[in-house]
Amino acid sequence: MSTPMGTENSVWEERIAAAWAAFDEYGEERADEFRALIDGLVAELPADSPVGPFERACAFDSTGHSDKAVPLYQEALRRGLSGYRARRTKIQLASSLRNTGRAEEGVALLEPELTAPSDELDDAVRATLALCLSSLGRDREGLSLVLGALAPHLPRYQRSMANYARELVRSE
């Protein structure tokens, strides 16, 4: 079953989604088995596919190996990963960089995402960037990002919280 296929293959996409949906069933004791499942699916992709290193990075990251995930995320981006997965890669790579003591690189990776076209990952960008900033001792900036992301979701006080978020960084 190693026929080359693009990620536009909906059957493959369904299978990778099903593997991730079952992730919690594996637990820590079966992390190797889960990564092998992902490796098997990735083996069906063309050798130069940017999706392969992305999925492998996610599997390492999700099983507690940020150090092994970082170079795979970077490889996915080098190979030209685009769209939704590229944005996910930047968020997850920044988080992994932070986890491995490289928060500054995470900030540099995510700051441009603040002005990228908006999508459902906007709040994840801000939350991950806030964690990176906090790791660098820039807690006020991080809190400002988190409050700014939270404000639109509140049933009341949206304007006040958005203003407070802006004031946190103005008063530094």
Protein backbone atom coordinates (compact mmCIF):
# COMPACT_ATOMS: atom_id res chain seq x y z
CA MET A 1 0.00 0.00 0.00
CA SER A 2 2.85 2.37 -0.73
CA THR A 3 1.40 4.02 -3.81
CA PRO A 4 2.33 7.71 -4.03
CA MET A 5 -0.51 10.05 -3.31
CA GLY A 6 -1.00 13.70 -2.68
CA THR A 7 -2.61 15.03 0.44
CA GLU A 8 -5.61 15.95 -1.68
CA ASN A 9 -6.48 12.25 -1.42
CA SER A 10 -9.50 12.37 0.84
CA VAL A 11 -9.19 8.71 1.82
CA TRP A 12 -5.67 9.29 3.15
CA GLU A 13 -6.84 12.47 4.92
CA GLU A 14 -9.67 10.51 6.54
CA ARG A 15 -7.24 7.83 7.69
CA ILE A 16 -4.79 10.31 9.21
CA ALA A 17 -7.69 12.12 10.90
CA ALA A 18 -8.93 8.79 12.30
CA ALA A 19 -5.45 8.02 13.64
CA TRP A 20 -5.37 11.36 15.44
CA ALA A 21 -8.92 10.90 16.71
CA ALA A 22 -7.74 7.67 18.37
CA PHE A 23 -4.61 9.25 19.89
CA ASP A 24 -5.91 9.22 23.48
CA GLU A 25 -6.50 5.47 23.28
CA TYR A 26 -2.75 4.88 23.04
CA GLY A 27 -1.64 6.57 26.25
CA GLU A 28 1.99 7.06 27.22
CA GLU A 29 2.69 3.34 27.36
CA ARG A 30 1.84 2.93 23.66
CA ALA A 31 3.39 6.14 22.31
CA ASP A 32 5.82 4.16 20.13
CA GLU A 33 2.91 2.29 18.60
CA PHE A 34 1.11 5.53 17.81
CA ARG A 35 4.20 7.02 16.17
CA ALA A 36 4.57 3.82 14.12
CA LEU A 37 0.97 4.21 12.94
CA ILE A 38 1.70 7.77 11.79
CA ASP A 39 4.98 6.64 10.18
CA GLY A 40 3.05 4.00 8.24
CA LEU A 41 0.60 6.56 6.91
CA VAL A 42 3.40 8.99 6.07
CA ALA A 43 5.16 6.23 4.13
CA GLU A 44 2.24 6.30 1.68
CA LEU A 45 3.00 9.91 0.75
CA PRO A 46 5.49 10.96 -1.94
CA ALA A 47 9.01 11.06 -0.49
CA ASP A 48 9.27 14.84 -0.89
CA SER A 49 5.84 15.63 0.58
CA PRO A 50 5.91 18.43 3.16
CA VAL A 51 2.99 16.76 4.93
CA GLY A 52 5.11 13.76 5.94
CA PRO A 53 7.53 15.59 8.23
CA PHE A 54 4.64 17.66 9.59
CA GLU A 55 2.65 14.59 10.64
CA ARG A 56 5.74 12.90 12.09
CA ALA A 57 6.58 16.08 14.02
CA CYS A 58 3.06 16.19 15.43
CA ALA A 59 3.39 12.58 16.56
CA PHE A 60 6.70 13.25 18.33
CA ASP A 61 5.39 16.47 19.84
CA SER A 62 2.19 14.86 21.08
CA THR A 63 4.13 12.06 22.74
CA GLY A 64 6.48 14.34 24.65
CA HIS A 65 9.42 14.69 22.26
CA SER A 66 9.55 18.37 21.31
CA ASP A 67 13.27 18.00 20.63
CA LYS A 68 12.61 15.47 17.87
CA ALA A 69 9.65 17.45 16.53
CA VAL A 70 11.54 20.72 15.91
CA PRO A 71 13.68 19.58 12.96
CA LEU A 72 10.70 17.82 11.38
CA TYR A 73 8.51 20.94 11.60
CA GLN A 74 11.35 22.94 10.09
CA GLU A 75 11.71 20.40 7.29
CA ALA A 76 7.98 20.59 6.53
CA LEU A 77 8.24 24.36 6.15
CA ARG A 78 11.42 24.07 4.02
CA ARG A 79 9.57 21.68 1.71
CA GLY A 80 6.87 24.28 1.15
CA LEU A 81 4.05 23.23 3.46
CA SER A 82 1.26 25.71 2.89
CA GLY A 83 -2.21 26.66 4.00
CA TYR A 84 -3.78 25.54 7.24
CA ARG A 85 -1.10 22.95 8.01
CA ALA A 86 1.63 25.57 7.58
CA ARG A 87 0.01 27.80 10.16
CA ARG A 88 -0.42 24.86 12.51
CA THR A 89 3.24 24.03 11.94
CA LYS A 90 4.33 27.52 12.96
CA ILE A 91 2.22 27.39 16.14
CA GLN A 92 3.42 23.92 17.10
CA LEU A 93 7.04 24.65 16.16
CA ALA A 94 7.00 27.81 18.30
CA SER A 95 5.66 25.79 21.21
CA SER A 96 8.32 23.12 20.74
CA LEU A 97 11.03 25.76 20.46
CA ARG A 98 9.82 27.20 23.75
CA ASN A 99 9.82 23.75 25.34
CA THR A 100 13.43 23.26 24.27
CA GLY A 101 14.65 26.62 25.62
CA ARG A 102 14.44 28.55 22.34
CA ALA A 103 11.50 30.86 23.09
CA GLU A 104 13.04 33.79 21.18
CA GLU A 105 12.86 31.75 17.98
CA GLY A 106 9.23 30.98 18.78
CA VAL A 107 8.45 34.68 19.15
CA ALA A 108 10.16 35.46 15.84
CA LEU A 109 8.16 32.72 14.14
CA LEU A 110 4.77 33.79 15.51
CA GLU A 111 4.91 37.58 15.49
CA PRO A 112 4.29 37.72 11.71
CA GLU A 113 1.27 35.45 12.22
CA LEU A 114 -0.45 38.26 14.16
CA THR A 115 -1.02 40.07 10.87
CA ALA A 116 -1.62 36.99 8.72
CA PRO A 117 -5.09 36.42 7.25
CA SER A 118 -7.46 35.56 10.07
CA ASP A 119 -8.69 32.02 10.69
CA GLU A 120 -9.72 29.75 13.53
CA LEU A 121 -6.09 29.45 14.64
CA ASP A 122 -5.73 33.15 15.58
CA ASP A 123 -6.27 32.51 19.29
CA ALA A 124 -3.81 29.60 19.28
CA VAL A 125 -1.21 31.90 17.70
CA ARG A 126 -1.76 34.45 20.46
CA ALA A 127 -1.79 31.89 23.27
CA THR A 128 1.43 30.23 22.08
CA LEU A 129 3.11 33.58 21.49
CA ALA A 130 2.06 34.62 25.01
CA LEU A 131 3.75 31.52 26.44
CA CYS A 132 6.93 32.25 24.47
CA LEU A 133 6.91 35.85 25.68
CA SER A 134 6.37 34.73 29.27
CA SER A 135 9.35 32.38 28.98
CA LEU A 136 11.39 35.45 28.06
CA GLY A 137 10.13 37.44 31.05
CA ARG A 138 7.77 39.52 28.90
CA ASP A 139 4.66 38.64 30.87
CA ARG A 140 2.79 41.92 30.29
CA GLU A 141 3.01 41.48 26.53
CA GLY A 142 1.85 37.89 26.85
CA LEU A 143 -1.05 38.82 29.10
CA SER A 144 -2.03 41.55 26.66
CA LEU A 145 -2.20 39.00 23.83
CA VAL A 146 -4.24 36.55 25.89
CA LEU A 147 -6.72 39.20 27.05
CA GLY A 148 -7.03 40.49 23.49
CA ALA A 149 -7.79 36.97 22.28
CA LEU A 150 -10.26 36.32 25.09
CA ALA A 151 -12.18 39.60 24.86
CA PRO A 152 -14.28 38.76 21.75
CA HIS A 153 -15.47 35.53 23.40
CA LEU A 154 -16.85 37.20 26.53
CA PRO A 155 -20.61 37.72 26.82
CA ARG A 156 -19.94 41.22 28.23
CA TYR A 157 -16.97 43.53 28.80
CA GLN A 158 -15.44 42.92 25.37
CA ARG A 159 -14.54 46.59 24.86
CA SER A 160 -13.15 47.00 28.39
CA MET A 161 -10.99 43.88 28.18
CA ALA A 162 -9.70 44.83 24.74
CA ASN A 163 -8.77 48.28 26.09
CA TYR A 164 -7.07 46.76 29.15
CA ALA A 165 -5.11 44.47 26.87
CA ARG A 166 -3.83 47.45 24.87
CA GLU A 167 -3.01 49.40 28.04
CA LEU A 168 -0.86 46.58 29.40
CA VAL A 169 1.70 47.15 26.67
CA ARG A 170 1.31 50.93 26.40
CA SER A 171 2.23 51.49 30.05
CA GLU A 172 5.54 49.62 29.88
